[in-house]
Amino acid sequence: MALHTFDDSNIRWNTLDGFEHLEYSILDIDEQNKIADVLFKFAANQQIVLHRHKVRNNMFVVQGEHRLYEPDGKIKEIRPVGRYTVSPASDEPHREGGGGQDVIVLFSIRGSDGILYEILDNDLNQIGTLSMQDLIDLYKAQQTASA
């Protein structure tokens, strides 16, 4: 099986403190329609922090294999390159990661100017959130850094 590689050399990747194995690049935020388009890169053979999606996420796998994991680390689903998925808001916690190579996924995060993601510890306790305002602030910082 051939690896499909997307050339991301012109993308300025950013990181979030405390979020290992994850990079992001915010492409656009439509505040009026409450939509954020973000590229996420998950490291190969790694899992990011446990979390819940509190709003609809439309996702397209640009490169690699997008893996979803149960809270205990078992594989729940594998989405190959080219897969488009619509995921409604859910209280079901999960982790995400890449397969044999870094995975790049376009997320179109929709429908709220409030909490988008709840960040959980291994005991399923909420330890943080990521809101639309957080994304707006990160987008402004990203634009300033690129100027």
C-alpha atoms as a PDB file:
ATOM      1  CA  MET A   1       0.000   0.000   0.000  1.00  0.00           C
ATOM      2  CA  ALA A   2       1.442   3.345  -1.023  1.00  0.00           C
ATOM      3  CA  LEU A   3       1.593   6.169   1.468  1.00  0.00           C
ATOM      4  CA  HIS A   4      -0.216   9.271   0.310  1.00  0.00           C
ATOM      5  CA  THR A   5       1.755  12.364   1.193  1.00  0.00           C
ATOM      6  CA  PHE A   6       0.385  15.864   1.123  1.00  0.00           C
ATOM      7  CA  ASP A   7       3.052  18.573   0.828  1.00  0.00           C
ATOM      8  CA  ASP A   8       2.513  20.655   3.965  1.00  0.00           C
ATOM      9  CA  SER A   9       5.842  22.506   3.762  1.00  0.00           C
ATOM     10  CA  ASN A  10       4.096  25.850   3.167  1.00  0.00           C
ATOM     11  CA  ILE A  11       1.780  25.483   6.150  1.00  0.00           C
ATOM     12  CA  ARG A  12       2.808  27.228   9.365  1.00  0.00           C
ATOM     13  CA  TRP A  13       2.038  24.659  12.039  1.00  0.00           C
ATOM     14  CA  ASN A  14       1.341  25.756  15.604  1.00  0.00           C
ATOM     15  CA  THR A  15       1.242  23.870  18.893  1.00  0.00           C
ATOM     16  CA  LEU A  16      -0.805  24.196  22.075  1.00  0.00           C
ATOM     17  CA  ASP A  17       0.885  23.952  25.459  1.00  0.00           C
ATOM     18  CA  GLY A  18      -0.020  20.679  27.127  1.00  0.00           C
ATOM     19  CA  PHE A  19      -1.253  19.022  23.913  1.00  0.00           C
ATOM     20  CA  GLU A  20       1.327  16.471  22.834  1.00  0.00           C
ATOM     21  CA  HIS A  21       1.334  14.908  19.353  1.00  0.00           C
ATOM     22  CA  LEU A  22      -0.876  17.668  17.912  1.00  0.00           C
ATOM     23  CA  GLU A  23      -0.209  20.590  15.593  1.00  0.00           C
ATOM     24  CA  TYR A  24      -2.749  22.910  14.008  1.00  0.00           C
ATOM     25  CA  SER A  25      -3.171  25.648  11.419  1.00  0.00           C
ATOM     26  CA  ILE A  26      -6.358  27.703  11.471  1.00  0.00           C
ATOM     27  CA  LEU A  27      -7.422  28.416   7.891  1.00  0.00           C
ATOM     28  CA  ASP A  28     -10.439  30.625   8.532  1.00  0.00           C
ATOM     29  CA  ILE A  29     -13.029  31.559  11.115  1.00  0.00           C
ATOM     30  CA  ASP A  30     -16.484  32.754  10.096  1.00  0.00           C
ATOM     31  CA  GLU A  31     -17.698  34.310  13.337  1.00  0.00           C
ATOM     32  CA  GLN A  32     -21.123  35.220  11.958  1.00  0.00           C
ATOM     33  CA  ASN A  33     -21.916  31.638  10.906  1.00  0.00           C
ATOM     34  CA  LYS A  34     -19.970  30.053  13.805  1.00  0.00           C
ATOM     35  CA  ILE A  35     -17.641  27.985  11.596  1.00  0.00           C
ATOM     36  CA  ALA A  36     -13.916  27.402  12.083  1.00  0.00           C
ATOM     37  CA  ASP A  37     -11.854  25.591   9.453  1.00  0.00           C
ATOM     38  CA  VAL A  38      -8.717  24.089  10.959  1.00  0.00           C
ATOM     39  CA  LEU A  39      -6.045  21.685   9.769  1.00  0.00           C
ATOM     40  CA  PHE A  40      -4.968  19.308  12.522  1.00  0.00           C
ATOM     41  CA  LYS A  41      -1.855  17.154  12.292  1.00  0.00           C
ATOM     42  CA  PHE A  42      -1.720  14.160  14.616  1.00  0.00           C
ATOM     43  CA  ALA A  43       1.632  12.420  15.068  1.00  0.00           C
ATOM     44  CA  ALA A  44       2.179   8.962  13.604  1.00  0.00           C
ATOM     45  CA  ASN A  45       1.524   6.092  16.008  1.00  0.00           C
ATOM     46  CA  GLN A  46       0.552   8.460  18.850  1.00  0.00           C
ATOM     47  CA  GLN A  47      -2.659   9.486  20.599  1.00  0.00           C
ATOM     48  CA  ILE A  48      -3.669  12.986  21.633  1.00  0.00           C
ATOM     49  CA  VAL A  49      -5.412  13.912  24.860  1.00  0.00           C
ATOM     50  CA  LEU A  50      -8.808  12.427  25.721  1.00  0.00           C
ATOM     51  CA  HIS A  51     -11.637  14.783  24.727  1.00  0.00           C
ATOM     52  CA  ARG A  52     -15.256  15.215  23.654  1.00  0.00           C
ATOM     53  CA  HIS A  53     -16.569  17.067  20.604  1.00  0.00           C
ATOM     54  CA  LYS A  54     -19.348  19.381  21.843  1.00  0.00           C
ATOM     55  CA  VAL A  55     -20.338  20.602  18.366  1.00  0.00           C
ATOM     56  CA  ARG A  56     -20.616  19.181  14.856  1.00  0.00           C
ATOM     57  CA  ASN A  57     -17.287  18.468  13.144  1.00  0.00           C
ATOM     58  CA  ASN A  58     -17.053  17.837   9.398  1.00  0.00           C
ATOM     59  CA  MET A  59     -13.709  16.152   8.685  1.00  0.00           C
ATOM     60  CA  PHE A  60     -11.728  15.300   5.569  1.00  0.00           C
ATOM     61  CA  VAL A  61      -8.576  13.160   5.805  1.00  0.00           C
ATOM     62  CA  VAL A  62      -5.955  14.890   3.654  1.00  0.00           C
ATOM     63  CA  GLN A  63      -2.985  12.638   4.465  1.00  0.00           C
ATOM     64  CA  GLY A  64      -2.469   9.357   6.282  1.00  0.00           C
ATOM     65  CA  GLU A  65      -4.826   7.365   8.457  1.00  0.00           C
ATOM     66  CA  HIS A  66      -7.014   9.167  10.996  1.00  0.00           C
ATOM     67  CA  ARG A  67      -7.384   6.858  13.975  1.00  0.00           C
ATOM     68  CA  LEU A  68      -9.980   7.226  16.711  1.00  0.00           C
ATOM     69  CA  TYR A  69      -9.453   5.471  20.028  1.00  0.00           C
ATOM     70  CA  GLU A  70     -11.625   4.471  22.960  1.00  0.00           C
ATOM     71  CA  PRO A  71     -10.707   6.039  26.334  1.00  0.00           C
ATOM     72  CA  ASP A  72      -8.774   2.843  27.197  1.00  0.00           C
ATOM     73  CA  GLY A  73      -6.618   3.220  24.065  1.00  0.00           C
ATOM     74  CA  LYS A  74      -8.241   0.538  21.896  1.00  0.00           C
ATOM     75  CA  ILE A  75      -8.818   1.468  18.255  1.00  0.00           C
ATOM     76  CA  LYS A  76     -12.420   2.482  17.653  1.00  0.00           C
ATOM     77  CA  GLU A  77     -12.277   3.511  13.984  1.00  0.00           C
ATOM     78  CA  ILE A  78      -9.756   4.023  11.188  1.00  0.00           C
ATOM     79  CA  ARG A  79     -10.484   6.638   8.532  1.00  0.00           C
ATOM     80  CA  PRO A  80      -8.314   6.385   5.401  1.00  0.00           C
ATOM     81  CA  VAL A  81      -7.022   9.262   3.294  1.00  0.00           C
ATOM     82  CA  GLY A  82      -9.863  10.779   1.279  1.00  0.00           C
ATOM     83  CA  ARG A  83     -12.579   9.919   3.833  1.00  0.00           C
ATOM     84  CA  TYR A  84     -15.137  12.634   4.603  1.00  0.00           C
ATOM     85  CA  THR A  85     -17.000  12.256   7.888  1.00  0.00           C
ATOM     86  CA  VAL A  86     -19.729  14.296   9.567  1.00  0.00           C
ATOM     87  CA  SER A  87     -19.658  13.841  13.343  1.00  0.00           C
ATOM     88  CA  PRO A  88     -22.429  15.373  15.451  1.00  0.00           C
ATOM     89  CA  ALA A  89     -21.795  16.672  18.951  1.00  0.00           C
ATOM     90  CA  SER A  90     -21.288  13.797  21.357  1.00  0.00           C
ATOM     91  CA  ASP A  91     -20.652  13.137  25.033  1.00  0.00           C
ATOM     92  CA  GLU A  92     -18.616  10.069  24.055  1.00  0.00           C
ATOM     93  CA  PRO A  93     -14.942  10.643  24.953  1.00  0.00           C
ATOM     94  CA  HIS A  94     -12.179   9.555  22.583  1.00  0.00           C
ATOM     95  CA  ARG A  95      -8.593  10.134  21.507  1.00  0.00           C
ATOM     96  CA  GLU A  96      -7.308  10.687  17.995  1.00  0.00           C
ATOM     97  CA  GLY A  97      -4.020  10.006  16.291  1.00  0.00           C
ATOM     98  CA  GLY A  98      -2.145   9.025  13.174  1.00  0.00           C
ATOM     99  CA  GLY A  99      -1.395   5.637  11.690  1.00  0.00           C
ATOM    100  CA  GLY A 100       2.019   4.812  10.229  1.00  0.00           C
ATOM    101  CA  GLN A 101       2.605   8.431   9.205  1.00  0.00           C
ATOM    102  CA  ASP A 102       1.472  11.794  10.522  1.00  0.00           C
ATOM    103  CA  VAL A 103      -2.168  12.306   9.629  1.00  0.00           C
ATOM    104  CA  ILE A 104      -3.523  15.654   8.435  1.00  0.00           C
ATOM    105  CA  VAL A 105      -7.256  16.221   8.772  1.00  0.00           C
ATOM    106  CA  LEU A 106      -9.294  19.242   7.746  1.00  0.00           C
ATOM    107  CA  PHE A 107     -11.850  19.959  10.477  1.00  0.00           C
ATOM    108  CA  SER A 108     -14.782  22.262   9.787  1.00  0.00           C
ATOM    109  CA  ILE A 109     -16.018  22.971  13.316  1.00  0.00           C
ATOM    110  CA  ARG A 110     -19.606  24.218  13.232  1.00  0.00           C
ATOM    111  CA  GLY A 111     -22.468  25.596  15.178  1.00  0.00           C
ATOM    112  CA  SER A 112     -21.395  27.316  18.355  1.00  0.00           C
ATOM    113  CA  ASP A 113     -19.712  30.409  19.662  1.00  0.00           C
ATOM    114  CA  GLY A 114     -19.262  28.576  22.981  1.00  0.00           C
ATOM    115  CA  ILE A 115     -17.447  25.390  24.021  1.00  0.00           C
ATOM    116  CA  LEU A 116     -16.199  23.260  21.107  1.00  0.00           C
ATOM    117  CA  TYR A 117     -14.189  20.601  22.955  1.00  0.00           C
ATOM    118  CA  GLU A 118     -13.978  19.335  26.515  1.00  0.00           C
ATOM    119  CA  ILE A 119     -10.507  18.127  27.522  1.00  0.00           C
ATOM    120  CA  LEU A 120     -10.488  15.155  29.902  1.00  0.00           C
ATOM    121  CA  ASP A 121      -8.014  13.361  32.133  1.00  0.00           C
ATOM    122  CA  ASN A 122      -7.663   9.572  32.098  1.00  0.00           C
ATOM    123  CA  ASP A 123     -10.436   9.287  34.729  1.00  0.00           C
ATOM    124  CA  LEU A 124     -12.848  11.177  32.422  1.00  0.00           C
ATOM    125  CA  ASN A 125     -12.769  14.331  34.559  1.00  0.00           C
ATOM    126  CA  GLN A 126     -12.967  17.583  32.621  1.00  0.00           C
ATOM    127  CA  ILE A 127      -9.653  19.427  32.956  1.00  0.00           C
ATOM    128  CA  GLY A 128     -10.171  22.098  30.315  1.00  0.00           C
ATOM    129  CA  THR A 129     -12.144  23.364  27.362  1.00  0.00           C
ATOM    130  CA  LEU A 130     -11.486  24.854  23.964  1.00  0.00           C
ATOM    131  CA  SER A 131     -14.022  27.470  22.902  1.00  0.00           C
ATOM    132  CA  MET A 132     -14.744  29.378  19.721  1.00  0.00           C
ATOM    133  CA  GLN A 133     -13.243  32.450  21.408  1.00  0.00           C
ATOM    134  CA  ASP A 134     -10.068  30.443  22.095  1.00  0.00           C
ATOM    135  CA  LEU A 135      -9.859  29.604  18.380  1.00  0.00           C
ATOM    136  CA  ILE A 136     -10.479  33.231  17.430  1.00  0.00           C
ATOM    137  CA  ASP A 137      -7.652  34.317  19.756  1.00  0.00           C
ATOM    138  CA  LEU A 138      -5.328  31.625  18.376  1.00  0.00           C
ATOM    139  CA  TYR A 139      -6.205  32.672  14.815  1.00  0.00           C
ATOM    140  CA  LYS A 140      -5.377  36.313  15.560  1.00  0.00           C
ATOM    141  CA  ALA A 141      -2.062  35.263  17.129  1.00  0.00           C
ATOM    142  CA  GLN A 142      -1.320  33.037  14.112  1.00  0.00           C
ATOM    143  CA  GLN A 143      -2.020  35.928  11.709  1.00  0.00           C
ATOM    144  CA  THR A 144       0.178  38.303  13.748  1.00  0.00           C
ATOM    145  CA  ALA A 145       3.050  35.788  13.762  1.00  0.00           C
ATOM    146  CA  SER A 146       2.764  35.353   9.979  1.00  0.00           C
ATOM    147  CA  ALA A 147       2.810  39.093   9.255  1.00  0.00           C
END
